[in-house]
Every structure is written in structure tokens, then in C-alpha cells.
C-alpha atoms as a PDB file:
ATOM      1  CA  UNK A   1      25.106  12.565  13.078  1.00  0.00           C
ATOM      2  CA  UNK A   2      21.809  13.845  14.319  1.00  0.00           C
ATOM      3  CA  UNK A   3      18.618  11.889  13.659  1.00  0.00           C
ATOM      4  CA  UNK A   4      15.616  14.096  12.959  1.00  0.00           C
ATOM      5  CA  UNK A   5      12.933  14.051  15.597  1.00  0.00           C
ATOM      6  CA  UNK A   6       9.616  12.590  14.586  1.00  0.00           C
ATOM      7  CA  UNK A   7       9.534  12.371  10.810  1.00  0.00           C
ATOM      8  CA  UNK A   8       9.770   9.015   9.063  1.00  0.00           C
ATOM      9  CA  UNK A   9      10.419   8.816   5.339  1.00  0.00           C
ATOM     10  CA  UNK A  10       9.613   5.903   3.068  1.00  0.00           C
ATOM     11  CA  UNK A  11      11.197   5.335  -0.315  1.00  0.00           C
ATOM     12  CA  UNK A  12       9.574   2.827  -2.668  1.00  0.00           C
ATOM     13  CA  UNK A  13      11.042   1.552  -5.901  1.00  0.00           C
ATOM     14  CA  UNK A  14       8.383   0.079  -8.177  1.00  0.00           C
ATOM     15  CA  UNK A  15       8.658  -2.340 -11.070  1.00  0.00           C
ATOM     16  CA  UNK A  16       5.331  -2.903 -12.816  1.00  0.00           C
ATOM     17  CA  UNK A  17       4.354  -6.048 -14.687  1.00  0.00           C
ATOM     18  CA  UNK A  18       4.942  -5.884 -18.447  1.00  0.00           C
ATOM     19  CA  UNK A  19       1.293  -6.650 -19.180  1.00  0.00           C
ATOM     20  CA  UNK A  20       0.100  -3.605 -17.230  1.00  0.00           C
ATOM     21  CA  UNK A  21      -0.649  -0.884 -19.775  1.00  0.00           C
ATOM     22  CA  UNK A  22       1.263   2.398 -19.299  1.00  0.00           C
ATOM     23  CA  UNK A  23      -1.991   4.369 -18.987  1.00  0.00           C
ATOM     24  CA  UNK A  24      -3.090   2.020 -16.194  1.00  0.00           C
ATOM     25  CA  UNK A  25       0.240   2.543 -14.412  1.00  0.00           C
ATOM     26  CA  UNK A  26      -0.307   6.297 -14.648  1.00  0.00           C
ATOM     27  CA  UNK A  27      -3.829   5.923 -13.226  1.00  0.00           C
ATOM     28  CA  UNK A  28      -2.474   3.898 -10.309  1.00  0.00           C
ATOM     29  CA  UNK A  29       0.191   6.533  -9.624  1.00  0.00           C
ATOM     30  CA  UNK A  30      -2.432   9.299  -9.634  1.00  0.00           C
ATOM     31  CA  UNK A  31      -4.618   7.297  -7.266  1.00  0.00           C
ATOM     32  CA  UNK A  32      -1.611   6.641  -5.042  1.00  0.00           C
ATOM     33  CA  UNK A  33      -0.796  10.346  -4.895  1.00  0.00           C
ATOM     34  CA  UNK A  34      -4.314  11.066  -3.665  1.00  0.00           C
ATOM     35  CA  UNK A  35      -3.623   9.203  -0.404  1.00  0.00           C
ATOM     36  CA  UNK A  36      -1.900  12.358   0.870  1.00  0.00           C
ATOM     37  CA  UNK A  37      -5.393  13.935   0.842  1.00  0.00           C
ATOM     38  CA  UNK A  38      -7.025  10.993   2.610  1.00  0.00           C
ATOM     39  CA  UNK A  39      -4.560   9.913   5.312  1.00  0.00           C
ATOM     40  CA  UNK A  40      -3.846  12.591   7.914  1.00  0.00           C
ATOM     41  CA  UNK A  41      -0.490  11.171   9.053  1.00  0.00           C
ATOM     42  CA  UNK A  42       0.869  11.132   5.476  1.00  0.00           C
ATOM     43  CA  UNK A  43       2.452  14.575   5.239  1.00  0.00           C
ATOM     44  CA  UNK A  44       4.099  14.540   1.797  1.00  0.00           C
ATOM     45  CA  UNK A  45       4.025  12.378  -1.326  1.00  0.00           C
ATOM     46  CA  UNK A  46       6.539  12.732  -4.160  1.00  0.00           C
ATOM     47  CA  UNK A  47       7.078  10.583  -7.246  1.00  0.00           C
ATOM     48  CA  UNK A  48       9.475  10.415 -10.129  1.00  0.00           C
ATOM     49  CA  UNK A  49      10.225   8.174 -13.084  1.00  0.00           C
ATOM     50  CA  UNK A  50      13.628   6.661 -13.689  1.00  0.00           C
ATOM     51  CA  UNK A  51      15.865   9.016 -15.637  1.00  0.00           C
ATOM     52  CA  UNK A  52      19.169   7.143 -15.295  1.00  0.00           C
ATOM     53  CA  UNK A  53      21.024   7.369 -18.603  1.00  0.00           C
ATOM     54  CA  UNK A  54      23.286   4.449 -17.630  1.00  0.00           C
ATOM     55  CA  UNK A  55      20.358   1.998 -17.516  1.00  0.00           C
ATOM     56  CA  UNK A  56      21.093   0.941 -13.922  1.00  0.00           C
ATOM     57  CA  UNK A  57      17.450   0.821 -12.811  1.00  0.00           C
ATOM     58  CA  UNK A  58      17.134  -3.005 -13.004  1.00  0.00           C
ATOM     59  CA  UNK A  59      13.585  -2.625 -14.281  1.00  0.00           C
ATOM     60  CA  UNK A  60      12.390  -0.286 -11.530  1.00  0.00           C
ATOM     61  CA  UNK A  61      10.619   2.549 -13.297  1.00  0.00           C
ATOM     62  CA  UNK A  62       9.070   4.664 -10.520  1.00  0.00           C
ATOM     63  CA  UNK A  63      10.288   5.974  -7.186  1.00  0.00           C
ATOM     64  CA  UNK A  64       7.896   7.287  -4.529  1.00  0.00           C
ATOM     65  CA  UNK A  65       8.884   9.125  -1.365  1.00  0.00           C
ATOM     66  CA  UNK A  66       6.417   9.485   1.498  1.00  0.00           C
ATOM     67  CA  UNK A  67       6.838  11.477   4.708  1.00  0.00           C
ATOM     68  CA  UNK A  68       4.990  10.552   7.893  1.00  0.00           C
ATOM     69  CA  UNK A  69       4.735  12.623  11.055  1.00  0.00           C
ATOM     70  CA  UNK A  70       6.322   9.815  13.140  1.00  0.00           C
ATOM     71  CA  UNK A  71       6.420   6.032  13.619  1.00  0.00           C
ATOM     72  CA  UNK A  72       2.825   6.019  14.812  1.00  0.00           C
ATOM     73  CA  UNK A  73       1.804   7.981  11.732  1.00  0.00           C
ATOM     74  CA  UNK A  74       3.409   5.382   9.488  1.00  0.00           C
ATOM     75  CA  UNK A  75       1.543   2.635  11.355  1.00  0.00           C
ATOM     76  CA  UNK A  76      -1.739   4.558  11.009  1.00  0.00           C
ATOM     77  CA  UNK A  77      -1.113   4.939   7.256  1.00  0.00           C
ATOM     78  CA  UNK A  78      -0.398   1.229   6.850  1.00  0.00           C
ATOM     79  CA  UNK A  79      -3.708   0.319   8.506  1.00  0.00           C
ATOM     80  CA  UNK A  80      -5.789   3.117   6.937  1.00  0.00           C
ATOM     81  CA  UNK A  81      -8.732   1.857   4.824  1.00  0.00           C
ATOM     82  CA  UNK A  82      -7.817   4.126   1.884  1.00  0.00           C
ATOM     83  CA  UNK A  83      -4.274   2.712   1.807  1.00  0.00           C
ATOM     84  CA  UNK A  84      -5.509  -0.871   2.120  1.00  0.00           C
ATOM     85  CA  UNK A  85      -8.023  -0.363  -0.712  1.00  0.00           C
ATOM     86  CA  UNK A  86      -5.362   1.159  -2.947  1.00  0.00           C
ATOM     87  CA  UNK A  87      -2.910  -1.641  -2.144  1.00  0.00           C
ATOM     88  CA  UNK A  88      -5.558  -4.234  -3.093  1.00  0.00           C
ATOM     89  CA  UNK A  89      -6.034  -2.605  -6.516  1.00  0.00           C
ATOM     90  CA  UNK A  90      -2.359  -1.900  -7.219  1.00  0.00           C
ATOM     91  CA  UNK A  91      -0.620  -5.032  -5.966  1.00  0.00           C
ATOM     92  CA  UNK A  92      -1.700  -7.294  -8.876  1.00  0.00           C
ATOM     93  CA  UNK A  93       0.156  -4.922 -11.244  1.00  0.00           C
ATOM     94  CA  UNK A  94       3.430  -4.759  -9.289  1.00  0.00           C
ATOM     95  CA  UNK A  95       6.162  -7.158 -10.341  1.00  0.00           C
ATOM     96  CA  UNK A  96       8.603  -6.107  -7.630  1.00  0.00           C
ATOM     97  CA  UNK A  97       8.889  -3.444  -4.956  1.00  0.00           C
ATOM     98  CA  UNK A  98      11.657  -2.268  -2.645  1.00  0.00           C
ATOM     99  CA  UNK A  99      10.657  -0.345   0.489  1.00  0.00           C
ATOM    100  CA  UNK A 100      13.040   1.548   2.757  1.00  0.00           C
ATOM    101  CA  UNK A 101      11.843   3.464   5.808  1.00  0.00           C
ATOM    102  CA  UNK A 102      14.275   5.856   7.456  1.00  0.00           C
ATOM    103  CA  UNK A 103      14.513   8.789   9.818  1.00  0.00           C
ATOM    104  CA  UNK A 104      16.315  11.682   8.137  1.00  0.00           C
ATOM    105  CA  UNK A 105      19.762  12.201   9.586  1.00  0.00           C
ATOM    106  CA  UNK A 106      21.876  15.347   9.391  1.00  0.00           C
ATOM    107  CA  UNK A 107      25.646  15.214   9.225  1.00  0.00           C
ATOM    108  CA  UNK A 108      27.613  18.133  10.550  1.00  0.00           C
ATOM    109  CA  UNK A 109      31.283  18.402   9.699  1.00  0.00           C
END
């Protein structure tokens, strides 16, 4: 195994509250995606909706993957005013969230 140098990835699983209208969820996702334009240490932002045909999502409907330049970049993102403002607006609509941060690892066989 070889851990990648520098980059840190974050995977978020999001479950929104039932009373949050779908168009509001979409607006929040669009606003969230814009953070890649506002926070220098956030290098990539990708999102997808659950497409599992076996209904194993446990209510989580959206997955977001972020890439940061390094641990310090992730810390800078977490404290960035644009991220904090977005979090303030979005958090009341989130029922549950799972967050996993990892450093990409390559396996060579």
C-alpha cells in the first residue's frame, strides 16, 4: 500500500429532512458546489444522487466528494467564512450526515 502524498479526500453522505422541499435541496447542492470557486484549498467537488436499485441507501440521498490539497487545506476549508456561512444555511435541512476523510491509497499487486 502506498498512501498518496498531500491530497485529502472527504466523502459526505447526506440525508435531508422530509420537510425540506426538493427544489430547496437542489439549491443547497448548487450553493455547496460553488465553494470550489470560493475556497482555494478545495481542489475538486463532485456530487451524485443515490442510484442503488437494491434500496440500501438507508435514507441517504446525496453523496459529495471533496478533494483538498493537504491536511492544512482541509483545516482552512473548515474555517473559511464561505464554508461556515453555507453550513449555517444548510444544517437546519440535514437530518443526518456521515463524513469520512481519507488519504487516497494505491495498492500494487
